Amino acid sequence: GGLLMGVMLTGYPELFAALVCQVPLIDMRRYHLLLAGASWMAEYGD
């Protein structure tokens, strides 16, 4: 859901006045290299 907030920030900023982004995924270029990120490639892709 933090990734969702990051996408709302960068893709739909006109829809919101404020966002609370918690423990988020943000850098999807490197997420699979960080901690448990490799386990989520079936969700997001490689």
All heavy atoms as atom14 arrays in JSON, in Angstrom:
{
  "sequence": "GGLLMGVMLTGYPELFAALVCQVPLIDMRRYHLLLAGASWMAEYGD",
  "atom14_mask": [
    [1, 1, 1, 1, 0, 0, 0, 0, 0, 0, 0, 0, 0, 0],
    [1, 1, 1, 1, 0, 0, 0, 0, 0, 0, 0, 0, 0, 0],
    [1, 1, 1, 1, 1, 1, 1, 1, 0, 0, 0, 0, 0, 0],
    [1, 1, 1, 1, 1, 1, 1, 1, 0, 0, 0, 0, 0, 0],
    [1, 1, 1, 1, 1, 1, 1, 1, 0, 0, 0, 0, 0, 0],
    [1, 1, 1, 1, 0, 0, 0, 0, 0, 0, 0, 0, 0, 0],
    [1, 1, 1, 1, 1, 1, 1, 0, 0, 0, 0, 0, 0, 0],
    [1, 1, 1, 1, 1, 1, 1, 1, 0, 0, 0, 0, 0, 0],
    [1, 1, 1, 1, 1, 1, 1, 1, 0, 0, 0, 0, 0, 0],
    [1, 1, 1, 1, 1, 1, 1, 0, 0, 0, 0, 0, 0, 0],
    [1, 1, 1, 1, 0, 0, 0, 0, 0, 0, 0, 0, 0, 0],
    [1, 1, 1, 1, 1, 1, 1, 1, 1, 1, 1, 1, 0, 0],
    [1, 1, 1, 1, 1, 1, 1, 0, 0, 0, 0, 0, 0, 0],
    [1, 1, 1, 1, 1, 1, 1, 1, 1, 0, 0, 0, 0, 0],
    [1, 1, 1, 1, 1, 1, 1, 1, 0, 0, 0, 0, 0, 0],
    [1, 1, 1, 1, 1, 1, 1, 1, 1, 1, 1, 0, 0, 0],
    [1, 1, 1, 1, 1, 0, 0, 0, 0, 0, 0, 0, 0, 0],
    [1, 1, 1, 1, 1, 0, 0, 0, 0, 0, 0, 0, 0, 0],
    [1, 1, 1, 1, 1, 1, 1, 1, 0, 0, 0, 0, 0, 0],
    [1, 1, 1, 1, 1, 1, 1, 0, 0, 0, 0, 0, 0, 0],
    [1, 1, 1, 1, 1, 1, 0, 0, 0, 0, 0, 0, 0, 0],
    [1, 1, 1, 1, 1, 1, 1, 1, 1, 0, 0, 0, 0, 0],
    [1, 1, 1, 1, 1, 1, 1, 0, 0, 0, 0, 0, 0, 0],
    [1, 1, 1, 1, 1, 1, 1, 0, 0, 0, 0, 0, 0, 0],
    [1, 1, 1, 1, 1, 1, 1, 1, 0, 0, 0, 0, 0, 0],
    [1, 1, 1, 1, 1, 1, 1, 1, 0, 0, 0, 0, 0, 0],
    [1, 1, 1, 1, 1, 1, 1, 1, 0, 0, 0, 0, 0, 0],
    [1, 1, 1, 1, 1, 1, 1, 1, 0, 0, 0, 0, 0, 0],
    [1, 1, 1, 1, 1, 1, 1, 1, 1, 1, 1, 0, 0, 0],
    [1, 1, 1, 1, 1, 1, 1, 1, 1, 1, 1, 0, 0, 0],
    [1, 1, 1, 1, 1, 1, 1, 1, 1, 1, 1, 1, 0, 0],
    [1, 1, 1, 1, 1, 1, 1, 1, 1, 1, 0, 0, 0, 0],
    [1, 1, 1, 1, 1, 1, 1, 1, 0, 0, 0, 0, 0, 0],
    [1, 1, 1, 1, 1, 1, 1, 1, 0, 0, 0, 0, 0, 0],
    [1, 1, 1, 1, 1, 1, 1, 1, 0, 0, 0, 0, 0, 0],
    [1, 1, 1, 1, 1, 0, 0, 0, 0, 0, 0, 0, 0, 0],
    [1, 1, 1, 1, 0, 0, 0, 0, 0, 0, 0, 0, 0, 0],
    [1, 1, 1, 1, 1, 0, 0, 0, 0, 0, 0, 0, 0, 0],
    [1, 1, 1, 1, 1, 1, 0, 0, 0, 0, 0, 0, 0, 0],
    [1, 1, 1, 1, 1, 1, 1, 1, 1, 1, 1, 1, 1, 1],
    [1, 1, 1, 1, 1, 1, 1, 1, 0, 0, 0, 0, 0, 0],
    [1, 1, 1, 1, 1, 0, 0, 0, 0, 0, 0, 0, 0, 0],
    [1, 1, 1, 1, 1, 1, 1, 1, 1, 0, 0, 0, 0, 0],
    [1, 1, 1, 1, 1, 1, 1, 1, 1, 1, 1, 1, 0, 0],
    [1, 1, 1, 1, 0, 0, 0, 0, 0, 0, 0, 0, 0, 0],
    [1, 1, 1, 1, 1, 1, 1, 1, 0, 0, 0, 0, 0, 0]
  ],
  "atom14_positions": [
    [[0.81, -1.21, 0.0], [0.0, 0.0, 0.0], [0.85, 1.26, 0.0], [0.4, 2.32, -0.46], [0.0, 0.0, 0.0], [0.0, 0.0, 0.0], [0.0, 0.0, 0.0], [0.0, 0.0, 0.0], [0.0, 0.0, 0.0], [0.0, 0.0, 0.0], [0.0, 0.0, 0.0], [0.0, 0.0, 0.0], [0.0, 0.0, 0.0], [0.0, 0.0, 0.0]],
    [[2.08, 1.17, 0.52], [3.0, 2.29, 0.44], [3.44, 2.53, -1.0], [3.62, 3.67, -1.43], [0.0, 0.0, 0.0], [0.0, 0.0, 0.0], [0.0, 0.0, 0.0], [0.0, 0.0, 0.0], [0.0, 0.0, 0.0], [0.0, 0.0, 0.0], [0.0, 0.0, 0.0], [0.0, 0.0, 0.0], [0.0, 0.0, 0.0], [0.0, 0.0, 0.0]],
    [[3.64, 1.44, -1.74], [3.9, 1.57, -3.18], [2.71, 2.24, -3.86], [2.89, 3.11, -4.73], [4.16, 0.19, -3.78], [4.23, 0.11, -5.31], [5.34, 0.99, -5.86], [4.41, -1.35, -5.75], [0.0, 0.0, 0.0], [0.0, 0.0, 0.0], [0.0, 0.0, 0.0], [0.0, 0.0, 0.0], [0.0, 0.0, 0.0], [0.0, 0.0, 0.0]],
    [[1.51, 1.85, -3.48], [0.3, 2.48, -4.01], [0.34, 4.0, -3.77], [0.02, 4.79, -4.67], [-0.93, 1.86, -3.35], [-2.29, 2.48, -3.63], [-2.65, 2.35, -5.1], [-3.36, 1.8, -2.75], [0.0, 0.0, 0.0], [0.0, 0.0, 0.0], [0.0, 0.0, 0.0], [0.0, 0.0, 0.0], [0.0, 0.0, 0.0], [0.0, 0.0, 0.0]],
    [[0.76, 4.41, -2.57], [0.85, 5.84, -2.28], [1.92, 6.51, -3.15], [1.75, 7.64, -3.63], [1.16, 6.07, -0.8], [0.07, 5.61, 0.16], [-1.53, 6.38, -0.13], [-2.4, 5.04, -0.97], [0.0, 0.0, 0.0], [0.0, 0.0, 0.0], [0.0, 0.0, 0.0], [0.0, 0.0, 0.0], [0.0, 0.0, 0.0], [0.0, 0.0, 0.0]],
    [[3.04, 5.8, -3.37], [4.08, 6.35, -4.23], [3.6, 6.56, -5.65], [3.96, 7.55, -6.3], [0.0, 0.0, 0.0], [0.0, 0.0, 0.0], [0.0, 0.0, 0.0], [0.0, 0.0, 0.0], [0.0, 0.0, 0.0], [0.0, 0.0, 0.0], [0.0, 0.0, 0.0], [0.0, 0.0, 0.0], [0.0, 0.0, 0.0], [0.0, 0.0, 0.0]],
    [[2.77, 5.65, -6.15], [2.23, 5.79, -7.49], [1.19, 6.92, -7.53], [1.11, 7.67, -8.51], [1.62, 4.47, -7.99], [0.98, 4.64, -9.36], [2.7, 3.38, -8.04], [0.0, 0.0, 0.0], [0.0, 0.0, 0.0], [0.0, 0.0, 0.0], [0.0, 0.0, 0.0], [0.0, 0.0, 0.0], [0.0, 0.0, 0.0], [0.0, 0.0, 0.0]],
    [[0.39, 7.05, -6.47], [-0.56, 8.16, -6.44], [0.21, 9.5, -6.44], [-0.2, 10.47, -7.1], [-1.45, 8.07, -5.2], [-2.42, 6.9, -5.21], [-3.56, 6.89, -6.63], [-2.88, 5.52, -7.58], [0.0, 0.0, 0.0], [0.0, 0.0, 0.0], [0.0, 0.0, 0.0], [0.0, 0.0, 0.0], [0.0, 0.0, 0.0], [0.0, 0.0, 0.0]],
    [[1.31, 9.56, -5.71], [2.12, 10.77, -5.66], [2.63, 11.16, -7.04], [2.53, 12.32, -7.45], [3.3, 10.56, -4.71], [4.28, 11.71, -4.57], [3.71, 12.8, -3.68], [5.62, 11.21, -4.03], [0.0, 0.0, 0.0], [0.0, 0.0, 0.0], [0.0, 0.0, 0.0], [0.0, 0.0, 0.0], [0.0, 0.0, 0.0], [0.0, 0.0, 0.0]],
    [[3.18, 10.2, -7.76], [3.86, 10.5, -9.02], [2.97, 10.39, -10.24], [3.27, 10.98, -11.28], [5.06, 9.55, -9.19], [4.61, 8.18, -9.1], [6.1, 9.8, -8.12], [0.0, 0.0, 0.0], [0.0, 0.0, 0.0], [0.0, 0.0, 0.0], [0.0, 0.0, 0.0], [0.0, 0.0, 0.0], [0.0, 0.0, 0.0], [0.0, 0.0, 0.0]],
    [[1.88, 9.63, -10.14], [1.02, 9.42, -11.3], [-0.31, 10.13, -11.25], [-0.9, 10.42, -12.3], [0.0, 0.0, 0.0], [0.0, 0.0, 0.0], [0.0, 0.0, 0.0], [0.0, 0.0, 0.0], [0.0, 0.0, 0.0], [0.0, 0.0, 0.0], [0.0, 0.0, 0.0], [0.0, 0.0, 0.0], [0.0, 0.0, 0.0], [0.0, 0.0, 0.0]],
    [[-0.81, 10.41, -10.02], [-2.13, 11.02, -9.88], [-2.1, 12.13, -8.83], [-2.99, 12.21, -7.97], [-3.15, 9.96, -9.47], [-3.27, 8.8, -10.44], [-2.43, 7.68, -10.33], [-4.21, 8.8, -11.46], [-2.54, 6.61, -11.21], [-4.33, 7.74, -12.34], [-3.48, 6.64, -12.21], [-3.6, 5.59, -13.08], [0.0, 0.0, 0.0], [0.0, 0.0, 0.0]],
    [[-1.13, 13.01, -8.85], [-1.0, 14.0, -7.76], [-2.18, 14.96, -7.68], [-2.46, 15.51, -6.61], [0.29, 14.73, -8.12], [0.44, 14.57, -9.6], [-0.09, 13.2, -9.89], [0.0, 0.0, 0.0], [0.0, 0.0, 0.0], [0.0, 0.0, 0.0], [0.0, 0.0, 0.0], [0.0, 0.0, 0.0], [0.0, 0.0, 0.0], [0.0, 0.0, 0.0]],
    [[-2.87, 15.18, -8.8], [-3.98, 16.13, -8.81], [-5.2, 15.64, -8.04], [-6.09, 16.45, -7.71], [-4.37, 16.44, -10.26], [-5.14, 15.33, -10.97], [-4.28, 14.16, -11.45], [-3.03, 14.23, -11.26], [-4.83, 13.21, -12.02], [0.0, 0.0, 0.0], [0.0, 0.0, 0.0], [0.0, 0.0, 0.0], [0.0, 0.0, 0.0], [0.0, 0.0, 0.0]],
    [[-5.24, 14.35, -7.7], [-6.42, 13.79, -7.04], [-6.41, 13.98, -5.53], [-7.45, 13.81, -4.88], [-6.55, 12.3, -7.36], [-6.72, 11.92, -8.83], [-6.87, 10.42, -8.96], [-7.92, 12.64, -9.43], [0.0, 0.0, 0.0], [0.0, 0.0, 0.0], [0.0, 0.0, 0.0], [0.0, 0.0, 0.0], [0.0, 0.0, 0.0], [0.0, 0.0, 0.0]],
    [[-5.24, 14.29, -4.94], [-5.1, 14.28, -3.49], [-4.44, 15.55, -2.99], [-3.6, 16.15, -3.65], [-4.25, 13.07, -3.05], [-4.79, 11.75, -3.52], [-4.32, 11.18, -4.69], [-5.77, 11.09, -2.8], [-4.81, 9.97, -5.14], [-6.27, 9.88, -3.24], [-5.8, 9.31, -4.41], [0.0, 0.0, 0.0], [0.0, 0.0, 0.0], [0.0, 0.0, 0.0]],
    [[-4.8, 15.9, -1.76], [-4.14, 17.01, -1.08], [-3.06, 16.51, -0.13], [-2.16, 17.28, 0.24], [-5.16, 17.84, -0.3], [0.0, 0.0, 0.0], [0.0, 0.0, 0.0], [0.0, 0.0, 0.0], [0.0, 0.0, 0.0], [0.0, 0.0, 0.0], [0.0, 0.0, 0.0], [0.0, 0.0, 0.0], [0.0, 0.0, 0.0], [0.0, 0.0, 0.0]],
    [[-3.13, 15.23, 0.28], [-2.14, 14.7, 1.22], [-2.07, 13.18, 1.09], [-3.07, 12.53, 0.77], [-2.5, 15.08, 2.66], [0.0, 0.0, 0.0], [0.0, 0.0, 0.0], [0.0, 0.0, 0.0], [0.0, 0.0, 0.0], [0.0, 0.0, 0.0], [0.0, 0.0, 0.0], [0.0, 0.0, 0.0], [0.0, 0.0, 0.0], [0.0, 0.0, 0.0]],
    [[-0.89, 12.64, 1.36], [-0.66, 11.2, 1.32], [0.17, 10.79, 2.52], [1.13, 11.48, 2.89], [0.07, 10.79, 0.04], [-0.62, 11.07, -1.3], [0.35, 10.84, -2.45], [-1.86, 10.18, -1.45], [0.0, 0.0, 0.0], [0.0, 0.0, 0.0], [0.0, 0.0, 0.0], [0.0, 0.0, 0.0], [0.0, 0.0, 0.0], [0.0, 0.0, 0.0]],
    [[-0.19, 9.65, 3.12], [0.6, 9.05, 4.19], [1.14, 7.73, 3.65], [0.38, 6.79, 3.38], [-0.23, 8.81, 5.46], [0.61, 8.1, 6.52], [-0.75, 10.14, 6.0], [0.0, 0.0, 0.0], [0.0, 0.0, 0.0], [0.0, 0.0, 0.0], [0.0, 0.0, 0.0], [0.0, 0.0, 0.0], [0.0, 0.0, 0.0], [0.0, 0.0, 0.0]],
    [[2.44, 7.66, 3.48], [3.12, 6.55, 2.8], [3.97, 5.81, 3.84], [4.97, 6.35, 4.32], [3.97, 7.12, 1.67], [4.89, 5.93, 0.71], [0.0, 0.0, 0.0], [0.0, 0.0, 0.0], [0.0, 0.0, 0.0], [0.0, 0.0, 0.0], [0.0, 0.0, 0.0], [0.0, 0.0, 0.0], [0.0, 0.0, 0.0], [0.0, 0.0, 0.0]],
    [[3.59, 4.58, 4.18], [4.21, 3.87, 5.31], [4.93, 2.6, 4.85], [4.43, 1.85, 4.0], [3.12, 3.51, 6.33], [2.41, 4.74, 6.89], [1.16, 4.42, 7.67], [0.28, 3.72, 7.19], [1.06, 4.95, 8.88], [0.0, 0.0, 0.0], [0.0, 0.0, 0.0], [0.0, 0.0, 0.0], [0.0, 0.0, 0.0], [0.0, 0.0, 0.0]],
    [[6.13, 2.37, 5.42], [7.01, 1.23, 5.1], [6.87, 0.83, 3.62], [6.56, -0.31, 3.28], [6.77, 0.03, 6.02], [7.26, 0.34, 7.43], [5.3, -0.4, 6.08], [0.0, 0.0, 0.0], [0.0, 0.0, 0.0], [0.0, 0.0, 0.0], [0.0, 0.0, 0.0], [0.0, 0.0, 0.0], [0.0, 0.0, 0.0], [0.0, 0.0, 0.0]],
    [[7.16, 1.76, 2.7], [6.79, 1.55, 1.3], [7.87, 0.86, 0.47], [9.06, 0.91, 0.77], [6.59, 2.98, 0.8], [7.65, 3.75, 1.54], [7.68, 3.13, 2.93], [0.0, 0.0, 0.0], [0.0, 0.0, 0.0], [0.0, 0.0, 0.0], [0.0, 0.0, 0.0], [0.0, 0.0, 0.0], [0.0, 0.0, 0.0], [0.0, 0.0, 0.0]],
    [[7.44, 0.24, -0.61], [8.29, -0.04, -1.75], [8.23, 1.19, -2.65], [7.15, 1.69, -2.93], [7.78, -1.26, -2.52], [7.97, -2.62, -1.86], [6.67, -3.4, -1.89], [9.07, -3.38, -2.56], [0.0, 0.0, 0.0], [0.0, 0.0, 0.0], [0.0, 0.0, 0.0], [0.0, 0.0, 0.0], [0.0, 0.0, 0.0], [0.0, 0.0, 0.0]],
    [[9.39, 1.65, -3.12], [9.43, 2.86, -3.92], [10.33, 2.69, -5.15], [9.95, 3.02, -6.27], [9.92, 4.07, -3.09], [8.88, 4.41, -2.02], [10.2, 5.26, -3.97], [7.55, 4.93, -2.54], [0.0, 0.0, 0.0], [0.0, 0.0, 0.0], [0.0, 0.0, 0.0], [0.0, 0.0, 0.0], [0.0, 0.0, 0.0], [0.0, 0.0, 0.0]],
    [[11.54, 2.18, -4.93], [12.49, 1.99, -6.03], [12.29, 0.61, -6.61], [12.91, -0.37, -6.2], [13.92, 2.17, -5.53], [14.95, 2.06, -6.66], [14.54, 1.78, -7.8], [16.15, 2.26, -6.38], [0.0, 0.0, 0.0], [0.0, 0.0, 0.0], [0.0, 0.0, 0.0], [0.0, 0.0, 0.0], [0.0, 0.0, 0.0], [0.0, 0.0, 0.0]],
    [[11.41, 0.5, -7.62], [11.09, -0.8, -8.19], [12.16, -1.27, -9.18], [12.07, -2.39, -9.68], [9.72, -0.74, -8.86], [8.59, -0.4, -7.88], [8.5, -1.53, -6.47], [7.88, -3.0, -7.28], [0.0, 0.0, 0.0], [0.0, 0.0, 0.0], [0.0, 0.0, 0.0], [0.0, 0.0, 0.0], [0.0, 0.0, 0.0], [0.0, 0.0, 0.0]],
    [[13.18, -0.45, -9.4], [14.32, -0.91, -10.2], [15.24, -1.79, -9.37], [15.91, -2.66, -9.91], [15.1, 0.3, -10.74], [16.26, -0.07, -11.67], [15.71, -0.69, -12.94], [16.76, -1.14, -13.85], [17.35, -2.35, -13.81], [17.02, -3.2, -12.86], [18.25, -2.68, -14.69], [0.0, 0.0, 0.0], [0.0, 0.0, 0.0], [0.0, 0.0, 0.0]],
    [[15.25, -1.58, -8.05], [16.16, -2.32, -7.18], [15.46, -3.12, -6.09], [16.12, -3.73, -5.25], [17.15, -1.34, -6.52], [18.17, -0.76, -7.47], [19.11, 0.22, -6.75], [19.69, -0.32, -5.52], [20.72, -1.18, -5.5], [21.26, -1.61, -6.62], [21.2, -1.59, -4.34], [0.0, 0.0, 0.0], [0.0, 0.0, 0.0], [0.0, 0.0, 0.0]],
    [[14.14, -3.15, -6.07], [13.44, -3.79, -4.96], [13.83, -5.25, -4.78], [13.89, -5.78, -3.67], [11.92, -3.67, -5.15], [11.31, -4.73, -6.03], [10.81, -5.9, -5.48], [11.25, -4.58, -7.42], [10.25, -6.89, -6.29], [10.71, -5.55, -8.23], [10.22, -6.71, -7.66], [9.68, -7.69, -8.46], [0.0, 0.0, 0.0], [0.0, 0.0, 0.0]],
    [[14.1, -5.94, -5.89], [14.41, -7.37, -5.84], [15.8, -7.65, -5.29], [16.13, -8.81, -5.02], [14.28, -7.97, -7.24], [15.23, -7.41, -8.25], [15.44, -6.06, -8.41], [16.06, -8.02, -9.14], [16.33, -5.85, -9.37], [16.73, -7.02, -9.82], [0.0, 0.0, 0.0], [0.0, 0.0, 0.0], [0.0, 0.0, 0.0], [0.0, 0.0, 0.0]],
    [[16.6, -6.61, -5.1], [17.96, -6.76, -4.56], [18.01, -6.44, -3.07], [19.07, -6.59, -2.45], [18.92, -5.83, -5.3], [18.96, -5.98, -6.83], [19.88, -4.93, -7.44], [19.39, -7.38, -7.22], [0.0, 0.0, 0.0], [0.0, 0.0, 0.0], [0.0, 0.0, 0.0], [0.0, 0.0, 0.0], [0.0, 0.0, 0.0], [0.0, 0.0, 0.0]],
    [[16.9, -6.0, -2.5], [16.88, -5.5, -1.12], [16.05, -6.42, -0.23], [14.85, -6.61, -0.45], [16.3, -4.08, -1.09], [17.04, -3.05, -1.95], [16.29, -1.72, -1.94], [18.47, -2.86, -1.47], [0.0, 0.0, 0.0], [0.0, 0.0, 0.0], [0.0, 0.0, 0.0], [0.0, 0.0, 0.0], [0.0, 0.0, 0.0], [0.0, 0.0, 0.0]],
    [[16.71, -7.03, 0.78], [16.05, -7.87, 1.79], [15.18, -8.94, 1.12], [15.66, -9.71, 0.3], [15.27, -6.98, 2.76], [16.14, -6.0, 3.57], [15.28, -5.09, 4.43], [17.15, -6.74, 4.43], [0.0, 0.0, 0.0], [0.0, 0.0, 0.0], [0.0, 0.0, 0.0], [0.0, 0.0, 0.0], [0.0, 0.0, 0.0], [0.0, 0.0, 0.0]],
    [[13.88, -8.99, 1.47], [13.01, -10.05, 0.96], [12.45, -9.74, -0.42], [11.59, -10.48, -0.93], [11.86, -10.29, 1.93], [0.0, 0.0, 0.0], [0.0, 0.0, 0.0], [0.0, 0.0, 0.0], [0.0, 0.0, 0.0], [0.0, 0.0, 0.0], [0.0, 0.0, 0.0], [0.0, 0.0, 0.0], [0.0, 0.0, 0.0], [0.0, 0.0, 0.0]],
    [[12.93, -8.68, -1.06], [12.33, -8.23, -2.31], [12.28, -9.27, -3.41], [11.32, -9.31, -4.19], [0.0, 0.0, 0.0], [0.0, 0.0, 0.0], [0.0, 0.0, 0.0], [0.0, 0.0, 0.0], [0.0, 0.0, 0.0], [0.0, 0.0, 0.0], [0.0, 0.0, 0.0], [0.0, 0.0, 0.0], [0.0, 0.0, 0.0], [0.0, 0.0, 0.0]],
    [[13.29, -10.13, -3.49], [13.31, -11.12, -4.57], [12.11, -12.05, -4.52], [11.68, -12.58, -5.55], [14.6, -11.94, -4.5], [0.0, 0.0, 0.0], [0.0, 0.0, 0.0], [0.0, 0.0, 0.0], [0.0, 0.0, 0.0], [0.0, 0.0, 0.0], [0.0, 0.0, 0.0], [0.0, 0.0, 0.0], [0.0, 0.0, 0.0], [0.0, 0.0, 0.0]],
    [[11.53, -12.23, -3.34], [10.38, -13.13, -3.21], [9.12, -12.57, -3.85], [8.15, -13.3, -4.02], [10.12, -13.44, -1.73], [9.71, -12.28, -1.03], [0.0, 0.0, 0.0], [0.0, 0.0, 0.0], [0.0, 0.0, 0.0], [0.0, 0.0, 0.0], [0.0, 0.0, 0.0], [0.0, 0.0, 0.0], [0.0, 0.0, 0.0], [0.0, 0.0, 0.0]],
    [[9.12, -11.29, -4.2], [7.9, -10.66, -4.72], [7.93, -10.49, -6.23], [7.05, -9.82, -6.79], [7.68, -9.28, -4.06], [7.74, -9.35, -2.57], [7.22, -10.33, -1.76], [8.37, -8.42, -1.7], [7.49, -10.06, -0.45], [8.19, -8.89, -0.37], [9.06, -7.23, -1.9], [8.69, -8.21, 0.74], [9.56, -6.54, -0.8], [9.37, -7.04, 0.5]],
    [[8.9, -11.07, -6.91], [8.96, -10.89, -8.36], [7.77, -11.52, -9.06], [7.41, -11.1, -10.16], [10.28, -11.43, -8.91], [11.46, -10.53, -8.57], [12.95, -10.89, -9.52], [13.43, -12.47, -8.83], [0.0, 0.0, 0.0], [0.0, 0.0, 0.0], [0.0, 0.0, 0.0], [0.0, 0.0, 0.0], [0.0, 0.0, 0.0], [0.0, 0.0, 0.0]],
    [[7.13, -12.53, -8.46], [5.92, -13.09, -9.06], [4.76, -12.1, -9.0], [3.81, -12.21, -9.77], [5.53, -14.39, -8.34], [0.0, 0.0, 0.0], [0.0, 0.0, 0.0], [0.0, 0.0, 0.0], [0.0, 0.0, 0.0], [0.0, 0.0, 0.0], [0.0, 0.0, 0.0], [0.0, 0.0, 0.0], [0.0, 0.0, 0.0], [0.0, 0.0, 0.0]],
    [[4.82, -11.14, -8.1], [3.79, -10.11, -8.0], [4.06, -8.95, -8.95], [3.18, -8.51, -9.69], [3.71, -9.59, -6.56], [2.67, -8.49, -6.33], [1.26, -9.02, -6.14], [1.06, -10.24, -6.12], [0.34, -8.19, -6.02], [0.0, 0.0, 0.0], [0.0, 0.0, 0.0], [0.0, 0.0, 0.0], [0.0, 0.0, 0.0], [0.0, 0.0, 0.0]],
    [[5.31, -8.46, -8.93], [5.62, -7.24, -9.66], [6.35, -7.47, -10.98], [6.22, -6.66, -11.91], [6.48, -6.32, -8.79], [5.88, -5.97, -7.46], [6.49, -6.34, -6.27], [4.69, -5.26, -7.39], [5.96, -6.0, -5.04], [4.14, -4.91, -6.16], [4.77, -5.29, -4.99], [4.23, -4.96, -3.78], [0.0, 0.0, 0.0], [0.0, 0.0, 0.0]],
    [[7.16, -8.51, -11.06], [8.0, -8.74, -12.23], [9.47, -8.61, -11.89], [9.84, -8.2, -10.78], [0.0, 0.0, 0.0], [0.0, 0.0, 0.0], [0.0, 0.0, 0.0], [0.0, 0.0, 0.0], [0.0, 0.0, 0.0], [0.0, 0.0, 0.0], [0.0, 0.0, 0.0], [0.0, 0.0, 0.0], [0.0, 0.0, 0.0], [0.0, 0.0, 0.0]],
    [[10.31, -8.94, -12.85], [11.76, -8.92, -12.67], [12.34, -7.69, -13.36], [12.35, -7.6, -14.6], [12.37, -10.2, -13.27], [13.87, -10.26, -13.11], [14.47, -9.31, -12.58], [14.46, -11.29, -13.53], [0.0, 0.0, 0.0], [0.0, 0.0, 0.0], [0.0, 0.0, 0.0], [0.0, 0.0, 0.0], [0.0, 0.0, 0.0], [0.0, 0.0, 0.0]]
  ]
}
